[in-house]
């Protein structure tokens, strides 16, 4: 699906800056800051204000197109929500399985920001007891 259609599907008015911002986010594998998006737009000769970048990011977040990660010290990274990478949580008691979106994106962004190290993969194993089994008192040790 192209960018224009994606924006229309989310009831977002299609403008050149919005298309550019979406495509910049789409081309990045890790979270990026608003300043980076602003500079990329200027490099691509798209006249834009930094405030427009922030407003567009807020709109994309409201429409569940992107995720915003708090890096601390009033710094934020933004990344496109990509469907496909999930993790499974299985109840130790009844073996109910729930699919979760990957919660590692923020951690990966922090690792990259702090160390310059780009993760190429990760393995995350989640175990626990579901709410129903907790209520029934079927905890396992």
N, C-alpha and C. Protein backbone atom coordinates (compact mmCIF):
# COMPACT_ATOMS: atom_id res chain seq x y z
N UNK A 1 0.86 -1.17 0.00
CA UNK A 1 0.00 0.00 0.00
C UNK A 1 0.91 1.23 0.00
N UNK A 2 0.56 2.21 -0.81
CA UNK A 2 1.40 3.40 -0.87
C UNK A 2 1.06 4.37 0.27
N UNK A 3 1.92 5.34 0.45
CA UNK A 3 1.78 6.29 1.56
C UNK A 3 0.48 7.07 1.49
N UNK A 4 0.13 7.56 0.32
CA UNK A 4 -1.10 8.34 0.17
C UNK A 4 -2.31 7.52 0.61
N UNK A 5 -2.37 6.28 0.17
CA UNK A 5 -3.50 5.43 0.54
C UNK A 5 -3.51 5.12 2.04
N UNK A 6 -2.34 4.92 2.61
CA UNK A 6 -2.24 4.66 4.05
C UNK A 6 -2.81 5.85 4.83
N UNK A 7 -2.41 7.05 4.45
CA UNK A 7 -2.91 8.25 5.15
C UNK A 7 -4.42 8.37 4.98
N UNK A 8 -4.91 8.17 3.76
CA UNK A 8 -6.36 8.24 3.52
C UNK A 8 -7.11 7.20 4.34
N UNK A 9 -6.56 6.00 4.44
CA UNK A 9 -7.21 4.94 5.22
C UNK A 9 -7.31 5.28 6.69
N UNK A 10 -6.45 6.18 7.16
CA UNK A 10 -6.47 6.59 8.57
C UNK A 10 -7.12 7.97 8.73
N UNK A 11 -7.85 8.39 7.70
CA UNK A 11 -8.57 9.68 7.72
C UNK A 11 -7.64 10.86 8.00
N UNK A 12 -6.49 10.84 7.34
CA UNK A 12 -5.52 11.92 7.46
C UNK A 12 -5.46 12.63 6.12
N UNK A 13 -5.62 13.94 6.15
CA UNK A 13 -5.53 14.73 4.93
C UNK A 13 -4.12 14.59 4.35
N UNK A 14 -4.05 14.30 3.07
CA UNK A 14 -2.76 14.07 2.42
C UNK A 14 -2.15 15.41 2.02
N UNK A 15 -0.95 15.68 2.57
CA UNK A 15 -0.17 16.86 2.19
C UNK A 15 1.26 16.40 1.91
N UNK A 16 1.98 17.20 1.18
CA UNK A 16 3.36 16.85 0.85
C UNK A 16 4.22 16.64 2.10
N UNK A 17 4.13 17.53 3.12
CA UNK A 17 4.92 17.30 4.34
C UNK A 17 4.53 16.01 5.06
N UNK A 18 3.25 15.70 5.13
CA UNK A 18 2.82 14.47 5.82
C UNK A 18 3.32 13.23 5.09
N UNK A 19 3.25 13.26 3.77
CA UNK A 19 3.76 12.13 2.99
C UNK A 19 5.26 11.98 3.23
N UNK A 20 5.98 13.08 3.21
CA UNK A 20 7.43 13.04 3.41
C UNK A 20 7.78 12.50 4.79
N UNK A 21 7.09 12.98 5.82
CA UNK A 21 7.37 12.53 7.18
C UNK A 21 7.08 11.03 7.32
N UNK A 22 5.96 10.60 6.77
CA UNK A 22 5.62 9.17 6.84
C UNK A 22 6.70 8.33 6.15
N UNK A 23 7.12 8.77 4.97
CA UNK A 23 8.11 8.00 4.21
C UNK A 23 9.49 8.00 4.89
N UNK A 24 9.83 9.09 5.55
CA UNK A 24 11.08 9.10 6.32
C UNK A 24 11.00 8.07 7.44
N UNK A 25 9.89 8.05 8.15
CA UNK A 25 9.69 7.06 9.22
C UNK A 25 9.72 5.64 8.67
N UNK A 26 9.12 5.46 7.50
CA UNK A 26 9.04 4.14 6.89
C UNK A 26 10.41 3.61 6.50
N UNK A 27 11.32 4.51 6.14
CA UNK A 27 12.64 4.10 5.68
C UNK A 27 13.65 3.87 6.80
N UNK A 28 13.26 4.18 8.03
CA UNK A 28 14.17 4.01 9.16
C UNK A 28 13.87 2.70 9.90
N UNK A 29 14.92 2.00 10.26
CA UNK A 29 14.74 0.74 10.99
C UNK A 29 14.69 0.95 12.49
N UNK A 30 15.08 2.11 12.95
CA UNK A 30 15.06 2.41 14.38
C UNK A 30 14.31 3.71 14.60
N UNK A 31 14.00 3.98 15.85
CA UNK A 31 13.31 5.22 16.18
C UNK A 31 14.16 6.43 15.86
N UNK A 32 13.51 7.52 15.46
CA UNK A 32 14.24 8.74 15.11
C UNK A 32 13.59 9.93 15.80
N UNK A 33 14.37 10.97 15.98
CA UNK A 33 13.88 12.18 16.65
C UNK A 33 13.26 13.12 15.63
N UNK A 34 12.42 14.01 16.12
CA UNK A 34 11.73 14.98 15.27
C UNK A 34 12.74 15.87 14.54
N UNK A 35 13.82 16.25 15.20
CA UNK A 35 14.86 17.08 14.57
C UNK A 35 15.45 16.39 13.33
N UNK A 36 15.64 15.10 13.43
CA UNK A 36 16.18 14.32 12.31
C UNK A 36 15.20 14.37 11.13
N UNK A 37 13.91 14.20 11.42
CA UNK A 37 12.88 14.25 10.38
C UNK A 37 12.87 15.63 9.74
N UNK A 38 12.94 16.65 10.56
CA UNK A 38 12.96 18.04 10.07
C UNK A 38 14.14 18.26 9.11
N UNK A 39 15.32 17.83 9.50
CA UNK A 39 16.51 18.00 8.66
C UNK A 39 16.40 17.22 7.36
N UNK A 40 15.84 16.01 7.42
CA UNK A 40 15.65 15.20 6.21
C UNK A 40 14.69 15.89 5.25
N UNK A 41 13.62 16.48 5.78
CA UNK A 41 12.66 17.20 4.92
C UNK A 41 13.35 18.37 4.22
N UNK A 42 14.15 19.11 4.96
CA UNK A 42 14.86 20.24 4.36
C UNK A 42 15.85 19.77 3.29
N UNK A 43 16.52 18.64 3.54
CA UNK A 43 17.43 18.07 2.54
C UNK A 43 16.70 17.68 1.26
N UNK A 44 15.44 17.29 1.42
CA UNK A 44 14.62 16.88 0.26
C UNK A 44 13.85 18.07 -0.32
N UNK A 45 14.24 19.29 0.07
CA UNK A 45 13.62 20.53 -0.42
C UNK A 45 12.12 20.61 -0.15
N UNK A 46 11.72 20.11 1.00
CA UNK A 46 10.33 20.21 1.42
C UNK A 46 10.26 21.33 2.45
N UNK A 47 9.63 22.46 2.08
CA UNK A 47 9.55 23.57 3.03
C UNK A 47 8.63 23.19 4.20
N UNK A 48 9.20 23.21 5.38
CA UNK A 48 8.46 22.75 6.56
C UNK A 48 9.02 23.42 7.80
N UNK A 49 8.19 23.59 8.80
CA UNK A 49 8.62 24.09 10.11
C UNK A 49 8.74 22.92 11.06
N UNK A 50 9.61 23.07 12.05
CA UNK A 50 9.75 22.02 13.06
C UNK A 50 8.43 21.79 13.78
N UNK A 51 7.66 22.86 13.99
CA UNK A 51 6.36 22.71 14.66
C UNK A 51 5.41 21.85 13.82
N UNK A 52 5.51 21.93 12.50
CA UNK A 52 4.69 21.08 11.64
C UNK A 52 5.09 19.61 11.79
N UNK A 53 6.37 19.37 11.92
CA UNK A 53 6.84 18.00 12.14
C UNK A 53 6.23 17.45 13.43
N UNK A 54 6.30 18.23 14.51
CA UNK A 54 5.75 17.77 15.80
C UNK A 54 4.23 17.55 15.71
N UNK A 55 3.52 18.47 15.06
CA UNK A 55 2.06 18.30 14.94
C UNK A 55 1.72 17.06 14.12
N UNK A 56 2.48 16.83 13.07
CA UNK A 56 2.25 15.65 12.24
C UNK A 56 2.54 14.38 13.02
N UNK A 57 3.61 14.37 13.79
CA UNK A 57 3.93 13.20 14.61
C UNK A 57 2.83 12.94 15.64
N UNK A 58 2.31 14.00 16.24
CA UNK A 58 1.20 13.84 17.19
C UNK A 58 -0.03 13.24 16.50
N UNK A 59 -0.32 13.73 15.30
CA UNK A 59 -1.45 13.21 14.53
C UNK A 59 -1.24 11.74 14.20
N UNK A 60 -0.05 11.39 13.72
CA UNK A 60 0.26 9.99 13.40
C UNK A 60 0.15 9.10 14.63
N UNK A 61 0.55 9.62 15.78
CA UNK A 61 0.45 8.85 17.01
C UNK A 61 -1.02 8.64 17.39
N UNK A 62 -1.83 9.69 17.28
CA UNK A 62 -3.27 9.58 17.57
C UNK A 62 -3.95 8.56 16.67
N UNK A 63 -3.48 8.46 15.43
CA UNK A 63 -4.07 7.55 14.45
C UNK A 63 -3.41 6.16 14.48
N UNK A 64 -2.56 5.94 15.47
CA UNK A 64 -1.87 4.65 15.66
C UNK A 64 -1.01 4.23 14.47
N UNK A 65 -0.38 5.19 13.87
CA UNK A 65 0.56 4.90 12.79
C UNK A 65 1.99 4.79 13.32
N UNK A 66 2.26 5.51 14.41
CA UNK A 66 3.61 5.52 14.97
C UNK A 66 3.55 5.30 16.48
N UNK A 67 4.71 4.97 17.02
CA UNK A 67 4.88 4.88 18.47
C UNK A 67 5.88 5.94 18.90
N UNK A 68 5.64 6.51 20.06
CA UNK A 68 6.52 7.54 20.62
C UNK A 68 7.21 6.93 21.83
N UNK A 69 8.53 7.03 21.86
CA UNK A 69 9.32 6.46 22.95
C UNK A 69 10.00 7.57 23.73
N UNK A 70 9.78 7.58 25.02
CA UNK A 70 10.39 8.58 25.90
C UNK A 70 11.81 8.12 26.23
N UNK A 71 12.79 8.89 25.80
CA UNK A 71 14.19 8.56 26.05
C UNK A 71 14.72 9.26 27.29
N UNK A 72 13.87 10.01 27.96
CA UNK A 72 14.29 10.78 29.13
C UNK A 72 14.83 12.13 28.70
N UNK A 73 14.97 13.03 29.66
CA UNK A 73 15.50 14.38 29.42
C UNK A 73 14.73 15.10 28.31
N UNK A 74 13.41 14.88 28.28
CA UNK A 74 12.52 15.50 27.29
C UNK A 74 12.92 15.21 25.85
N UNK A 75 13.47 14.02 25.61
CA UNK A 75 13.82 13.58 24.27
C UNK A 75 12.94 12.39 23.92
N UNK A 76 12.50 12.36 22.65
CA UNK A 76 11.59 11.31 22.21
C UNK A 76 12.04 10.77 20.86
N UNK A 77 11.84 9.50 20.67
CA UNK A 77 12.03 8.87 19.37
C UNK A 77 10.67 8.45 18.86
N UNK A 78 10.55 8.41 17.55
CA UNK A 78 9.31 8.02 16.90
C UNK A 78 9.63 6.92 15.90
N UNK A 79 8.76 5.93 15.83
CA UNK A 79 8.94 4.88 14.83
C UNK A 79 7.60 4.40 14.34
N UNK A 80 7.61 3.99 13.09
CA UNK A 80 6.41 3.47 12.46
C UNK A 80 6.00 2.16 13.13
N UNK A 81 4.73 1.98 13.34
CA UNK A 81 4.25 0.71 13.87
C UNK A 81 4.26 -0.28 12.71
N UNK A 82 5.04 -1.28 12.86
CA UNK A 82 5.16 -2.31 11.82
C UNK A 82 4.55 -3.59 12.37
N UNK A 83 3.59 -4.07 11.68
CA UNK A 83 2.94 -5.30 12.12
C UNK A 83 3.74 -6.48 11.58
N UNK A 84 3.93 -7.44 12.41
CA UNK A 84 4.66 -8.61 11.95
C UNK A 84 5.57 -9.19 13.00
N UNK A 85 6.23 -8.34 13.80
CA UNK A 85 7.12 -8.88 14.82
C UNK A 85 6.36 -8.93 16.14
N UNK A 86 6.08 -10.13 16.57
CA UNK A 86 5.29 -10.33 17.79
C UNK A 86 6.00 -11.31 18.71
N UNK A 87 5.55 -11.33 19.93
CA UNK A 87 5.99 -12.31 20.91
C UNK A 87 4.77 -13.01 21.47
N UNK A 88 4.99 -14.19 21.99
CA UNK A 88 3.89 -14.99 22.53
C UNK A 88 4.07 -15.10 24.04
N UNK A 89 2.98 -14.96 24.75
CA UNK A 89 2.96 -15.21 26.19
C UNK A 89 2.05 -16.40 26.39
N UNK A 90 2.56 -17.40 27.10
CA UNK A 90 1.76 -18.60 27.36
C UNK A 90 1.59 -18.77 28.86
N UNK A 91 0.35 -19.06 29.24
CA UNK A 91 0.06 -19.31 30.66
C UNK A 91 0.66 -20.65 31.07
N UNK A 92 1.39 -20.66 32.18
CA UNK A 92 2.00 -21.88 32.69
C UNK A 92 0.95 -22.89 33.17
N UNK A 93 -0.22 -22.40 33.53
CA UNK A 93 -1.24 -23.27 34.08
C UNK A 93 -2.18 -23.84 33.01
N UNK A 94 -2.89 -22.98 32.28
CA UNK A 94 -3.88 -23.46 31.31
C UNK A 94 -3.36 -23.47 29.88
N UNK A 95 -2.18 -22.92 29.66
CA UNK A 95 -1.51 -22.87 28.35
C UNK A 95 -2.23 -21.98 27.33
N UNK A 96 -3.03 -21.03 27.84
CA UNK A 96 -3.62 -20.02 26.95
C UNK A 96 -2.47 -19.22 26.35
N UNK A 97 -2.57 -18.89 25.07
CA UNK A 97 -1.51 -18.17 24.37
C UNK A 97 -2.06 -16.81 23.93
N UNK A 98 -1.27 -15.77 24.15
CA UNK A 98 -1.63 -14.42 23.73
C UNK A 98 -0.47 -13.86 22.91
N UNK A 99 -0.79 -13.27 21.76
CA UNK A 99 0.23 -12.61 20.94
C UNK A 99 0.37 -11.16 21.38
N UNK A 100 1.60 -10.69 21.51
CA UNK A 100 1.88 -9.31 21.90
C UNK A 100 2.76 -8.65 20.86
N UNK A 101 2.52 -7.36 20.61
CA UNK A 101 3.47 -6.61 19.81
C UNK A 101 4.78 -6.57 20.56
N UNK A 102 5.86 -6.53 19.83
CA UNK A 102 7.19 -6.56 20.43
C UNK A 102 7.41 -5.34 21.33
N UNK A 103 7.72 -5.57 22.60
CA UNK A 103 7.97 -4.45 23.52
C UNK A 103 9.43 -3.98 23.53
N UNK A 104 10.25 -4.55 22.66
CA UNK A 104 11.69 -4.28 22.71
C UNK A 104 12.12 -3.02 21.96
N UNK A 105 11.26 -2.42 21.18
CA UNK A 105 11.66 -1.30 20.33
C UNK A 105 12.29 -0.16 21.14
N UNK A 106 11.67 0.20 22.24
CA UNK A 106 12.20 1.29 23.05
C UNK A 106 13.57 0.93 23.61
N UNK A 107 13.73 -0.30 24.04
CA UNK A 107 15.02 -0.74 24.59
C UNK A 107 16.08 -0.72 23.49
N UNK A 108 15.73 -1.18 22.29
CA UNK A 108 16.67 -1.15 21.17
C UNK A 108 17.08 0.28 20.85
N UNK A 109 16.11 1.20 20.86
CA UNK A 109 16.42 2.61 20.59
C UNK A 109 17.36 3.18 21.64
N UNK A 110 17.13 2.85 22.91
CA UNK A 110 18.02 3.33 23.98
C UNK A 110 19.42 2.76 23.83
N UNK A 111 19.53 1.48 23.50
CA UNK A 111 20.84 0.87 23.31
C UNK A 111 21.59 1.56 22.18
N UNK A 112 20.90 1.81 21.07
CA UNK A 112 21.53 2.47 19.94
C UNK A 112 21.97 3.88 20.31
N UNK A 113 21.09 4.62 20.99
CA UNK A 113 21.40 6.01 21.37
C UNK A 113 22.58 6.06 22.33
N UNK A 114 22.59 5.18 23.32
CA UNK A 114 23.62 5.23 24.35
C UNK A 114 24.96 4.63 23.91
N UNK A 115 24.91 3.60 23.07
CA UNK A 115 26.14 2.87 22.75
C UNK A 115 26.53 2.91 21.28
N UNK A 116 25.58 3.29 20.42
CA UNK A 116 25.84 3.23 18.98
C UNK A 116 25.73 1.83 18.43
N UNK A 117 25.36 0.89 19.27
CA UNK A 117 25.24 -0.51 18.90
C UNK A 117 23.87 -0.77 18.32
N UNK A 118 23.79 -1.28 17.09
CA UNK A 118 22.51 -1.57 16.45
C UNK A 118 22.23 -3.06 16.57
N UNK A 119 21.13 -3.40 17.26
CA UNK A 119 20.75 -4.81 17.42
C UNK A 119 20.20 -5.34 16.11
N UNK A 120 20.61 -6.53 15.74
CA UNK A 120 20.11 -7.15 14.53
C UNK A 120 19.04 -8.19 14.84
N UNK A 121 19.00 -8.66 16.06
CA UNK A 121 17.96 -9.59 16.48
C UNK A 121 17.92 -9.66 17.99
N UNK A 122 16.84 -10.19 18.50
CA UNK A 122 16.73 -10.43 19.94
C UNK A 122 15.83 -11.62 20.16
N UNK A 123 15.95 -12.19 21.35
CA UNK A 123 15.10 -13.31 21.74
C UNK A 123 14.50 -12.95 23.09
N UNK A 124 13.21 -13.05 23.17
CA UNK A 124 12.52 -12.66 24.39
C UNK A 124 11.55 -13.77 24.75
N UNK A 125 11.74 -14.34 25.93
CA UNK A 125 10.86 -15.40 26.39
C UNK A 125 10.02 -14.86 27.54
N UNK A 126 8.72 -15.00 27.43
CA UNK A 126 7.81 -14.49 28.44
C UNK A 126 7.00 -15.65 29.01
N UNK A 127 6.97 -15.74 30.33
CA UNK A 127 6.21 -16.79 31.00
C UNK A 127 5.38 -16.15 32.09
N UNK A 128 4.29 -16.77 32.43
CA UNK A 128 3.47 -16.23 33.50
C UNK A 128 2.19 -17.01 33.70
N UNK A 129 1.31 -16.41 34.49
CA UNK A 129 0.01 -16.99 34.80
C UNK A 129 -1.05 -16.00 34.32
N UNK A 130 -2.02 -16.47 33.56
CA UNK A 130 -3.06 -15.57 33.06
C UNK A 130 -3.98 -15.14 34.19
N UNK A 131 -4.72 -14.10 33.95
CA UNK A 131 -5.64 -13.53 34.94
C UNK A 131 -6.66 -14.56 35.43
N UNK A 132 -7.23 -15.33 34.50
CA UNK A 132 -8.24 -16.33 34.88
C UNK A 132 -7.67 -17.36 35.85
N UNK A 133 -6.46 -17.83 35.57
CA UNK A 133 -5.84 -18.82 36.46
C UNK A 133 -5.44 -18.21 37.79
N UNK A 134 -5.06 -16.94 37.79
CA UNK A 134 -4.74 -16.25 39.06
C UNK A 134 -5.99 -16.19 39.93
N UNK A 135 -7.11 -15.86 39.31
CA UNK A 135 -8.38 -15.76 40.04
C UNK A 135 -8.76 -17.12 40.62
N UNK A 136 -8.54 -18.16 39.84
CA UNK A 136 -8.88 -19.51 40.28
C UNK A 136 -7.87 -20.05 41.29
N UNK A 137 -6.77 -19.35 41.46
CA UNK A 137 -5.76 -19.79 42.43
C UNK A 137 -4.92 -20.94 41.90
N UNK A 138 -4.79 -21.04 40.59
CA UNK A 138 -4.04 -22.13 40.00
C UNK A 138 -2.60 -21.74 39.71
N UNK A 139 -2.01 -21.00 40.61
CA UNK A 139 -0.63 -20.56 40.42
C UNK A 139 0.29 -21.78 40.44
N UNK A 140 1.31 -21.71 39.60
CA UNK A 140 2.32 -22.76 39.63
C UNK A 140 3.59 -22.13 40.15
N UNK A 141 4.45 -22.93 40.73
CA UNK A 141 5.67 -22.36 41.27
C UNK A 141 6.86 -22.68 40.44
